Amino acid sequence: MDRQEIEIFLALCEELHFGRAAERLYLSQARVSQTIKKLERHFGAPLFERTSRQVRLAPVGRMLRDDLLPIRAQLDRAVERARAAARSVEGTLRVGYLGGLAASLLVDSVLLFRSRHPECEVHAREVHLGDVFGPLRRDELDVVISHSPVGEHDLIAGPALLTEPTGLVVPSGHRLARASSLSGDTAGIDVISIGGPSGAYWQRYLDATWHITPATPIGAHTFEDVLTAVAFGAGVHPAGAHAERHYPRRGAVYIPYDDGRGHVWRPVWLPGSDTARLQAFVHALLDAVTDRGAEHYFTDPPDRRGTG
């Protein structure tokens, strides 16, 4: 028996009237009658005794009712506990972040979130270029602060947090290293590829965002790998403006694009993970950006005294 069949049967047990049972369940009387006949065929015995004047429970029906009532009560309690958990912020939220900009935003947001919801514990870990969304799909994280995913139809992209100017990280001896800015033309530039489970995704992302096809066989797994490869002259790689602040590297130079192109940072999660806890954290993310201002995350120098 499925849940609707159980509800129809128990409603008729209580009402002992097909019309009232149908009205109570917002169903047609024919639907109630058809369901009871189906159950009686399934069990091979009448569940109700019907006359022109009344409906009474048959012995098999009475036994089935007595067995189903505690099962329904247990199901109702389980559903209510699940609903209460979804409405509650209490518990643990597992947050992933991609790189230094997301880490800075995460710190500000967690401080704000904890002040509002001290009953919720936040666990955070970095995700890397080589496997950005894998931890979500493996149920290791509830949400990842990342760029807007491209072509990942099983993911939900939350509200835009920041729109970041972008450019290229190039070797200090590269012909572009002395440019003040770059045009959109990247013909003839060797772009370092990303390896790992997200390798194919990054090829699609770079093509859709910058119209760039990675050419080198490096297969970097982290942004540190990318910067190291750039520094020893293996190629160049697109990067957000925050790279200049969060990832200074000897031998690598950040050059911005001159056309204002950028990418958008968002919280990303899987369908079914949209709990009150997650939404409360998303509100904290948005409020942290509003409080700090977007430029804080792109260009302000880090405060070495740790005061923000």
Protein backbone atom coordinates (compact mmCIF):
# COMPACT_ATOMS: atom_id res chain seq x y z
CA MET A 1 0.00 0.00 0.00
CA ASP A 2 1.22 3.47 -0.81
CA ARG A 3 0.65 6.48 1.45
CA GLN A 4 -2.48 7.68 -0.39
CA GLU A 5 -4.06 4.24 -0.24
CA ILE A 6 -3.40 4.13 3.51
CA GLU A 7 -4.97 7.56 3.99
CA ILE A 8 -8.06 6.64 1.94
CA PHE A 9 -8.53 3.38 3.82
CA LEU A 10 -8.11 4.97 7.26
CA ALA A 11 -10.36 7.92 6.40
CA LEU A 12 -13.14 5.49 5.41
CA CYS A 13 -12.53 3.54 8.62
CA GLU A 14 -13.18 6.73 10.60
CA GLU A 15 -16.03 8.15 8.54
CA LEU A 16 -17.73 4.88 7.50
CA HIS A 17 -19.20 6.88 4.64
CA PHE A 18 -17.72 7.05 1.13
CA GLY A 19 -18.96 10.58 0.45
CA ARG A 20 -17.63 12.07 3.71
CA ALA A 21 -14.30 10.27 3.32
CA ALA A 22 -13.94 11.65 -0.21
CA GLU A 23 -14.82 15.19 0.91
CA ARG A 24 -12.32 15.01 3.77
CA LEU A 25 -9.52 13.97 1.42
CA TYR A 26 -10.52 16.34 -1.42
CA LEU A 27 -11.02 13.36 -3.71
CA SER A 28 -13.94 12.15 -5.77
CA GLN A 29 -16.20 9.50 -4.26
CA ALA A 30 -15.43 7.30 -7.28
CA ARG A 31 -11.69 7.51 -6.49
CA VAL A 32 -12.30 6.37 -2.91
CA SER A 33 -14.50 3.50 -4.07
CA GLN A 34 -11.99 2.40 -6.73
CA THR A 35 -9.13 2.42 -4.22
CA ILE A 36 -11.01 0.29 -1.70
CA LYS A 37 -11.99 -2.21 -4.40
CA LYS A 38 -8.36 -2.38 -5.53
CA LEU A 39 -7.22 -3.09 -1.96
CA GLU A 40 -9.86 -5.75 -1.49
CA ARG A 41 -8.72 -7.49 -4.69
CA HIS A 42 -5.12 -7.23 -3.45
CA PHE A 43 -5.91 -8.80 -0.05
CA GLY A 44 -8.45 -11.25 -1.41
CA ALA A 45 -11.08 -10.36 1.20
CA PRO A 46 -13.62 -7.59 1.83
CA LEU A 47 -12.39 -4.74 4.04
CA PHE A 48 -15.84 -3.23 4.54
CA GLU A 49 -19.37 -4.59 4.70
CA ARG A 50 -21.67 -2.38 2.67
CA THR A 51 -25.41 -2.13 2.70
CA SER A 52 -27.73 0.49 1.30
CA ARG A 53 -27.88 2.10 4.73
CA GLN A 54 -24.42 1.76 6.22
CA VAL A 55 -20.75 0.87 5.86
CA ARG A 56 -19.09 -1.27 8.52
CA LEU A 57 -15.59 -2.64 8.92
CA ALA A 58 -15.17 -6.29 8.00
CA PRO A 59 -12.92 -8.44 10.22
CA VAL A 60 -9.95 -8.18 7.82
CA GLY A 61 -10.49 -4.43 7.55
CA ARG A 62 -10.54 -4.06 11.35
CA MET A 63 -7.26 -5.98 11.66
CA LEU A 64 -5.66 -3.90 8.89
CA ARG A 65 -6.81 -0.66 10.53
CA ASP A 66 -5.34 -1.65 13.90
CA ASP A 67 -1.99 -2.49 12.27
CA LEU A 68 -1.87 0.65 10.11
CA LEU A 69 -2.74 3.27 12.74
CA PRO A 70 0.60 3.09 14.60
CA ILE A 71 2.48 2.94 11.28
CA ARG A 72 0.76 6.13 10.09
CA ALA A 73 1.51 7.83 13.40
CA GLN A 74 5.17 6.89 13.06
CA LEU A 75 5.26 8.20 9.47
CA ASP A 76 3.64 11.46 10.58
CA ARG A 77 6.22 11.90 13.32
CA ALA A 78 9.07 11.19 10.89
CA VAL A 79 7.73 13.73 8.38
CA GLU A 80 7.28 16.38 11.08
CA ARG A 81 10.80 15.81 12.43
CA ALA A 82 12.19 16.20 8.90
CA ARG A 83 10.20 19.39 8.38
CA ALA A 84 11.32 20.78 11.72
CA ALA A 85 14.95 20.00 10.88
CA ALA A 86 14.59 21.75 7.52
CA ARG A 87 13.13 24.83 9.25
CA SER A 88 15.78 24.90 11.96
CA VAL A 89 19.16 26.58 11.67
CA GLU A 90 20.52 24.45 14.49
CA GLY A 91 23.12 21.84 13.51
CA THR A 92 26.19 21.87 11.25
CA LEU A 93 26.72 23.56 7.90
CA ARG A 94 29.55 22.30 5.68
CA VAL A 95 30.93 25.06 3.47
CA GLY A 96 33.50 24.83 0.69
CA TYR A 97 35.34 27.78 -0.82
CA LEU A 98 37.37 28.16 -4.00
CA GLY A 99 40.47 30.28 -3.47
CA GLY A 100 41.49 33.36 -1.55
CA LEU A 101 38.61 35.65 -2.47
CA ALA A 102 36.03 33.10 -1.38
CA ALA A 103 38.05 32.48 1.80
CA SER A 104 37.95 36.19 2.71
CA LEU A 105 34.24 36.35 2.04
CA LEU A 106 33.74 33.16 4.03
CA VAL A 107 35.49 34.56 7.11
CA ASP A 108 33.39 37.73 7.13
CA SER A 109 30.20 35.74 6.53
CA VAL A 110 30.86 33.12 9.20
CA LEU A 111 31.51 35.80 11.83
CA LEU A 112 28.20 37.43 10.93
CA PHE A 113 26.36 34.10 10.70
CA ARG A 114 27.60 32.95 14.12
CA SER A 115 26.49 36.19 15.73
CA ARG A 116 22.99 35.54 14.40
CA HIS A 117 22.88 31.76 14.81
CA PRO A 118 25.21 30.59 17.58
CA GLU A 119 23.34 27.27 17.63
CA CYS A 120 24.79 26.35 14.21
CA GLU A 121 28.37 25.18 13.74
CA VAL A 122 30.15 25.93 10.46
CA HIS A 123 32.79 23.55 9.10
CA ALA A 124 34.80 24.95 6.18
CA ARG A 125 37.31 23.48 3.73
CA GLU A 126 38.93 24.62 0.52
CA VAL A 127 37.96 23.06 -2.76
CA HIS A 128 40.47 23.03 -5.61
CA LEU A 129 40.32 23.67 -9.33
CA GLY A 130 40.74 19.98 -10.11
CA ASP A 131 37.55 19.00 -8.24
CA VAL A 132 35.38 22.04 -7.58
CA PHE A 133 31.92 20.52 -7.32
CA GLY A 134 32.80 16.90 -6.58
CA PRO A 135 32.50 17.39 -2.80
CA LEU A 136 28.92 18.59 -3.26
CA ARG A 137 27.99 15.56 -5.33
CA ARG A 138 29.68 13.21 -2.85
CA ASP A 139 27.72 14.79 0.03
CA GLU A 140 30.89 16.05 1.68
CA LEU A 141 29.72 19.68 1.58
CA ASP A 142 26.38 21.48 1.68
CA VAL A 143 27.40 24.58 -0.29
CA VAL A 144 30.45 25.86 -2.19
CA ILE A 145 31.38 29.53 -2.69
CA SER A 146 32.55 29.57 -6.27
CA HIS A 147 32.19 31.23 -9.65
CA SER A 148 28.91 30.69 -11.49
CA PRO A 149 28.94 27.11 -12.82
CA VAL A 150 28.66 26.69 -16.58
CA GLY A 151 26.66 23.78 -17.97
CA GLU A 152 26.33 21.97 -14.63
CA HIS A 153 22.59 21.38 -14.76
CA ASP A 154 22.42 19.32 -11.57
CA LEU A 155 23.63 22.29 -9.49
CA ILE A 156 21.76 25.32 -8.17
CA ALA A 157 23.55 28.65 -8.49
CA GLY A 158 22.49 30.98 -5.69
CA PRO A 159 22.34 34.78 -5.78
CA ALA A 160 25.26 36.76 -7.19
CA LEU A 161 27.68 37.84 -4.46
CA LEU A 162 30.44 39.57 -6.40
CA THR A 163 31.21 40.32 -10.02
CA GLU A 164 34.97 40.22 -10.37
CA PRO A 165 37.14 41.86 -13.04
CA THR A 166 39.46 39.38 -14.69
CA GLY A 167 42.74 39.19 -16.51
CA LEU A 168 45.69 36.87 -17.13
CA VAL A 169 48.51 35.73 -14.91
CA VAL A 170 51.62 35.67 -17.12
CA PRO A 171 55.31 34.90 -16.55
CA SER A 172 57.30 38.01 -15.60
CA GLY A 173 59.40 37.57 -18.74
CA HIS A 174 56.39 37.16 -21.04
CA ARG A 175 55.81 39.63 -23.87
CA LEU A 176 52.56 40.70 -22.18
CA ALA A 177 54.07 41.25 -18.73
CA ARG A 178 54.68 44.97 -19.28
CA ALA A 179 51.21 45.70 -20.64
CA SER A 180 48.92 47.81 -18.47
CA SER A 181 45.89 45.90 -19.74
CA LEU A 182 44.92 43.28 -22.30
CA SER A 183 42.46 43.16 -25.17
CA GLY A 184 40.26 40.12 -25.71
CA ASP A 185 42.62 38.66 -28.33
CA THR A 186 44.49 35.66 -26.88
CA ALA A 187 45.59 34.09 -30.15
CA GLY A 188 48.96 32.38 -29.91
CA ILE A 189 49.00 32.31 -26.08
CA ASP A 190 49.65 28.97 -24.37
CA VAL A 191 47.04 28.61 -21.63
CA ILE A 192 47.73 26.15 -18.82
CA SER A 193 45.09 23.41 -18.59
CA ILE A 194 43.39 22.08 -15.46
CA GLY A 195 43.55 18.38 -14.64
CA GLY A 196 41.60 16.17 -12.25
CA PRO A 197 37.89 15.34 -12.28
CA SER A 198 37.03 18.93 -13.26
CA GLY A 199 39.38 19.07 -16.24
CA ALA A 200 36.65 18.82 -18.89
CA TYR A 201 34.51 21.28 -16.97
CA TRP A 202 37.28 23.90 -16.97
CA GLN A 203 37.79 23.54 -20.71
CA ARG A 204 34.09 24.28 -21.16
CA TYR A 205 34.20 27.14 -18.64
CA LEU A 206 37.24 28.82 -20.18
CA ASP A 207 35.76 28.55 -23.64
CA ALA A 208 32.39 29.96 -22.55
CA THR A 209 33.83 32.74 -20.36
CA TRP A 210 37.03 33.81 -22.13
CA HIS A 211 36.84 31.96 -25.47
CA ILE A 212 40.14 30.34 -24.56
CA THR A 213 41.14 26.74 -25.24
CA PRO A 214 43.87 25.41 -22.90
CA ALA A 215 46.89 24.35 -24.92
CA THR A 216 49.48 23.07 -22.45
CA PRO A 217 49.55 19.50 -21.13
CA ILE A 218 50.32 20.64 -17.56
CA GLY A 219 46.98 19.59 -16.00
CA ALA A 220 47.21 21.73 -12.85
CA HIS A 221 45.02 20.63 -9.94
CA THR A 222 45.19 23.75 -7.74
CA PHE A 223 45.66 27.46 -8.34
CA GLU A 224 49.04 27.14 -6.62
CA ASP A 225 49.94 24.62 -9.34
CA VAL A 226 48.82 27.16 -11.94
CA LEU A 227 50.93 29.95 -10.46
CA THR A 228 53.99 27.73 -10.18
CA ALA A 229 53.64 26.66 -13.81
CA VAL A 230 53.21 30.30 -14.87
CA ALA A 231 56.24 31.39 -12.86
CA PHE A 232 58.56 28.92 -14.58
CA GLY A 233 57.23 29.93 -17.99
CA ALA A 234 54.94 27.04 -18.90
CA GLY A 235 52.12 29.32 -20.02
CA VAL A 236 49.51 31.79 -18.82
CA HIS A 237 46.14 31.42 -17.14
CA PRO A 238 42.99 33.53 -16.65
CA ALA A 239 42.49 34.84 -13.13
CA GLY A 240 40.28 37.21 -11.20
CA ALA A 241 41.48 40.56 -9.90
CA HIS A 242 41.80 39.10 -6.42
CA ALA A 243 44.79 37.05 -7.59
CA GLU A 244 47.00 40.13 -7.33
CA ARG A 245 46.05 40.52 -3.69
CA HIS A 246 45.76 36.92 -2.49
CA TYR A 247 48.37 35.17 -4.64
CA PRO A 248 51.45 37.37 -5.13
CA ARG A 249 54.07 35.13 -6.71
CA ARG A 250 57.62 35.91 -7.78
CA GLY A 251 57.88 35.30 -11.49
CA ALA A 252 54.15 35.80 -12.17
CA VAL A 253 52.38 39.05 -13.09
CA TYR A 254 48.65 39.79 -13.18
CA ILE A 255 47.44 41.84 -16.18
CA PRO A 256 43.75 42.92 -16.28
CA TYR A 257 41.55 42.81 -19.34
CA ASP A 258 40.61 46.26 -20.59
CA ASP A 259 37.03 45.40 -21.61
CA GLY A 260 35.61 44.95 -18.11
CA ARG A 261 34.93 41.23 -18.57
CA GLY A 262 34.46 39.34 -15.34
CA HIS A 263 32.94 36.36 -13.66
CA VAL A 264 30.31 36.14 -10.97
CA TRP A 265 30.83 34.50 -7.56
CA ARG A 266 27.86 32.68 -6.02
CA PRO A 267 26.97 30.05 -3.45
CA VAL A 268 26.35 26.76 -5.24
CA TRP A 269 24.46 23.73 -3.90
CA LEU A 270 22.58 20.62 -4.97
CA PRO A 271 18.79 20.40 -5.25
CA GLY A 272 17.35 19.17 -1.96
CA SER A 273 19.99 20.95 0.14
CA ASP A 274 18.05 24.21 0.32
CA THR A 275 17.39 24.19 4.08
CA ALA A 276 16.70 27.11 6.42
CA ARG A 277 20.27 26.68 7.64
CA LEU A 278 21.69 27.14 4.15
CA GLN A 279 19.43 30.08 3.37
CA ALA A 280 20.44 31.81 6.60
CA PHE A 281 24.07 31.44 5.55
CA VAL A 282 23.33 32.80 2.07
CA HIS A 283 21.78 35.88 3.72
CA ALA A 284 24.96 36.28 5.77
CA LEU A 285 27.05 36.09 2.58
CA LEU A 286 25.00 38.83 0.93
CA ASP A 287 25.08 41.01 4.03
CA ALA A 288 28.85 40.60 4.41
CA VAL A 289 29.38 41.86 0.85
CA THR A 290 27.05 44.80 1.53
CA ASP A 291 28.85 45.65 4.77
CA ARG A 292 32.37 45.39 3.35
CA GLY A 293 31.80 46.53 -0.21
CA ALA A 294 32.90 44.58 -3.28
CA GLU A 295 36.19 46.45 -3.74
CA HIS A 296 37.39 45.19 -0.37
CA TYR A 297 37.67 41.67 -1.79
CA PHE A 298 39.42 42.64 -5.01
CA THR A 299 41.95 45.34 -4.30
CA ASP A 300 42.31 46.33 -0.64
CA PRO A 301 45.65 45.15 0.78
CA PRO A 302 45.39 42.57 3.55
CA ASP A 303 45.65 44.08 7.03
CA ARG A 304 48.80 42.54 8.49
CA ARG A 305 47.63 43.33 12.01
CA GLY A 306 44.61 41.04 11.54
CA THR A 307 42.02 43.74 12.21
CA GLY A 308 40.39 43.40 8.79
